[in-house]
């Protein structure tokens, strides 16, 4: 009986010690995570820029090539579109080329979510939009390119 209790106590101590080792710092792990995040952001930024360039150019063929079949968009004012509806809609007019700032990306190289600010002078239906506004986009890899699956545009109309 004593031997059994001693064996259980040693096993428990071993598990606790292993847990303490596993939760301690792992040399180089932080660097690897930072490098993976940098690589993900390096893949995400061009995908976002291709999307914004298609909107900036107001080119239906470019939009068709970058939007996934399941694409959905929602704006700050509650309007929403699927792929066909967005391509056929009155697209915003960018007076200045859109710039991406404060990019934050989560996910993998196959599917990622990007949170960022778009800085640009733009109008929609003749009304000015907020110059700097947050966006949230979901992209998925399709062969050698990324398709935009979902997009939330939080740019408010100027009143």
Protein backbone atom coordinates (compact mmCIF):
# COMPACT_ATOMS: atom_id res chain seq x y z
CA UNK A 1 0.00 0.00 0.00
CA UNK A 2 2.80 2.42 0.91
CA UNK A 3 4.64 1.53 -2.30
CA UNK A 4 1.50 2.25 -4.32
CA UNK A 5 1.04 5.70 -2.66
CA UNK A 6 4.71 6.49 -3.22
CA UNK A 7 4.43 5.52 -6.90
CA UNK A 8 1.35 7.74 -7.33
CA UNK A 9 3.05 10.62 -5.54
CA UNK A 10 6.15 10.31 -7.74
CA UNK A 11 4.00 10.13 -10.87
CA UNK A 12 2.07 13.23 -9.82
CA UNK A 13 5.30 15.07 -9.05
CA UNK A 14 6.65 14.06 -12.45
CA UNK A 15 3.59 15.40 -14.24
CA UNK A 16 3.76 18.68 -12.33
CA UNK A 17 7.47 19.04 -13.09
CA UNK A 18 6.85 18.33 -16.76
CA UNK A 19 4.07 20.93 -16.77
CA UNK A 20 6.36 23.52 -15.21
CA UNK A 21 9.01 22.85 -17.85
CA UNK A 22 6.44 23.05 -20.66
CA UNK A 23 5.06 26.39 -19.49
CA UNK A 24 8.51 27.96 -19.15
CA UNK A 25 10.10 29.98 -21.91
CA UNK A 26 11.13 28.04 -24.99
CA UNK A 27 14.33 29.49 -26.47
CA UNK A 28 13.74 31.01 -29.94
CA UNK A 29 10.00 30.34 -29.88
CA UNK A 30 9.06 34.04 -29.65
CA UNK A 31 11.29 34.77 -32.62
CA UNK A 32 9.68 32.01 -34.68
CA UNK A 33 6.19 33.32 -33.89
CA UNK A 34 7.22 36.86 -34.84
CA UNK A 35 8.74 35.62 -38.10
CA UNK A 36 5.58 33.65 -38.94
CA UNK A 37 3.46 36.73 -38.22
CA UNK A 38 5.69 38.89 -40.42
CA UNK A 39 5.41 36.32 -43.23
CA UNK A 40 1.61 36.24 -42.90
CA UNK A 41 1.40 40.05 -43.04
CA UNK A 42 3.74 40.04 -46.05
CA UNK A 43 1.27 37.74 -47.85
CA UNK A 44 -1.80 39.62 -46.69
CA UNK A 45 -0.81 43.14 -47.68
CA UNK A 46 -0.55 42.48 -51.44
CA UNK A 47 -3.89 40.63 -51.39
CA UNK A 48 -5.53 43.65 -49.74
CA UNK A 49 -3.86 46.04 -52.18
CA UNK A 50 -5.08 44.01 -55.18
CA UNK A 51 -8.62 44.18 -53.78
CA UNK A 52 -8.44 47.92 -53.14
CA UNK A 53 -6.89 48.52 -56.58
CA UNK A 54 -9.83 46.73 -58.23
CA UNK A 55 -12.28 49.00 -56.37
CA UNK A 56 -10.13 52.08 -57.07
CA UNK A 57 -10.13 51.28 -60.80
CA UNK A 58 -13.85 50.42 -60.70
CA UNK A 59 -13.13 47.53 -63.05
CA UNK A 60 -15.75 44.73 -63.04
CA UNK A 61 -13.30 42.19 -64.53
CA UNK A 62 -10.71 42.91 -61.83
CA UNK A 63 -13.39 42.68 -59.14
CA UNK A 64 -14.67 39.40 -60.54
CA UNK A 65 -11.14 37.98 -60.42
CA UNK A 66 -10.51 38.96 -56.78
CA UNK A 67 -13.91 38.20 -55.20
CA UNK A 68 -14.74 34.65 -54.08
CA UNK A 69 -18.06 33.20 -55.29
CA UNK A 70 -19.32 33.28 -51.68
CA UNK A 71 -18.26 36.93 -51.18
CA UNK A 72 -20.32 39.18 -48.92
CA UNK A 73 -19.82 42.83 -48.04
CA UNK A 74 -21.44 44.96 -45.36
CA UNK A 75 -21.04 48.70 -44.91
CA UNK A 76 -21.36 50.93 -41.85
CA UNK A 77 -24.77 52.12 -43.04
CA UNK A 78 -26.08 48.55 -43.16
CA UNK A 79 -26.07 48.08 -46.92
CA UNK A 80 -24.81 44.70 -48.03
CA UNK A 81 -24.01 42.85 -51.23
CA UNK A 82 -23.09 39.45 -52.55
CA UNK A 83 -20.52 39.18 -55.35
CA UNK A 84 -22.83 39.88 -58.29
CA UNK A 85 -24.62 42.67 -56.45
CA UNK A 86 -21.39 44.39 -55.47
CA UNK A 87 -19.93 44.26 -58.98
CA UNK A 88 -23.18 45.72 -60.38
CA UNK A 89 -23.49 48.38 -57.66
CA UNK A 90 -22.45 52.01 -57.72
CA UNK A 91 -18.93 51.54 -56.46
CA UNK A 92 -17.25 54.20 -54.35
CA UNK A 93 -15.12 56.70 -56.23
CA UNK A 94 -11.62 57.07 -54.84
CA UNK A 95 -10.26 60.57 -55.39
CA UNK A 96 -6.88 59.43 -54.05
CA UNK A 97 -5.40 55.94 -54.19
CA UNK A 98 -6.23 54.00 -51.03
CA UNK A 99 -3.42 53.37 -48.55
CA UNK A 100 -3.37 50.55 -45.98
CA UNK A 101 -2.27 51.40 -42.44
CA UNK A 102 -2.21 49.61 -39.07
CA UNK A 103 -2.49 46.14 -40.59
CA UNK A 104 -3.19 43.28 -38.15
CA UNK A 105 -3.53 39.76 -39.53
CA UNK A 106 -4.55 36.45 -37.97
CA UNK A 107 -4.90 33.04 -39.54
CA UNK A 108 -2.73 31.02 -41.86
CA UNK A 109 -1.35 31.28 -45.37
CA UNK A 110 -4.50 29.45 -46.54
CA UNK A 111 -7.11 31.61 -44.77
CA UNK A 112 -6.57 34.88 -42.99
CA UNK A 113 -8.50 37.75 -41.42
CA UNK A 114 -7.09 41.25 -41.84
CA UNK A 115 -7.99 44.31 -39.78
CA UNK A 116 -6.68 47.62 -41.14
CA UNK A 117 -7.35 51.25 -41.85
CA UNK A 118 -7.90 52.58 -45.36
CA UNK A 119 -6.77 56.14 -45.88
CA UNK A 120 -8.19 57.81 -49.01
CA UNK A 121 -10.47 60.55 -50.20
CA UNK A 122 -13.56 58.89 -51.60
CA UNK A 123 -17.24 59.42 -52.32
CA UNK A 124 -20.24 57.14 -52.65
CA UNK A 125 -23.33 58.39 -54.45
CA UNK A 126 -21.78 61.87 -54.46
CA UNK A 127 -21.37 61.99 -50.67
CA UNK A 128 -17.92 62.15 -49.10
CA UNK A 129 -16.83 59.23 -46.95
CA UNK A 130 -14.70 59.32 -43.87
CA UNK A 131 -11.06 59.79 -45.00
CA UNK A 132 -9.60 57.20 -42.60
CA UNK A 133 -11.79 54.26 -41.68
CA UNK A 134 -11.42 50.71 -40.42
CA UNK A 135 -11.96 47.63 -42.55
CA UNK A 136 -12.15 43.92 -41.78
CA UNK A 137 -11.52 41.43 -44.60
CA UNK A 138 -11.36 37.64 -44.88
CA UNK A 139 -9.28 36.08 -47.65
CA UNK A 140 -8.78 32.47 -48.70
CA UNK A 141 -6.08 31.03 -50.91
CA UNK A 142 -7.20 29.77 -54.31
CA UNK A 143 -4.28 28.33 -56.25
CA UNK A 144 -1.62 31.03 -56.45
CA UNK A 145 -3.86 33.96 -55.50
CA UNK A 146 -6.12 35.13 -52.69
CA UNK A 147 -9.85 35.66 -53.04
CA UNK A 148 -11.80 38.04 -50.84
CA UNK A 149 -14.51 36.09 -49.02
CA UNK A 150 -15.97 38.76 -46.73
CA UNK A 151 -15.45 42.47 -46.20
CA UNK A 152 -16.75 44.91 -43.60
CA UNK A 153 -16.37 48.59 -44.42
CA UNK A 154 -16.82 50.89 -41.44
CA UNK A 155 -16.40 54.17 -43.36
CA UNK A 156 -19.20 56.52 -42.38
CA UNK A 157 -20.80 58.95 -44.80
CA UNK A 158 -19.91 62.55 -43.94
CA UNK A 159 -22.99 64.46 -42.83
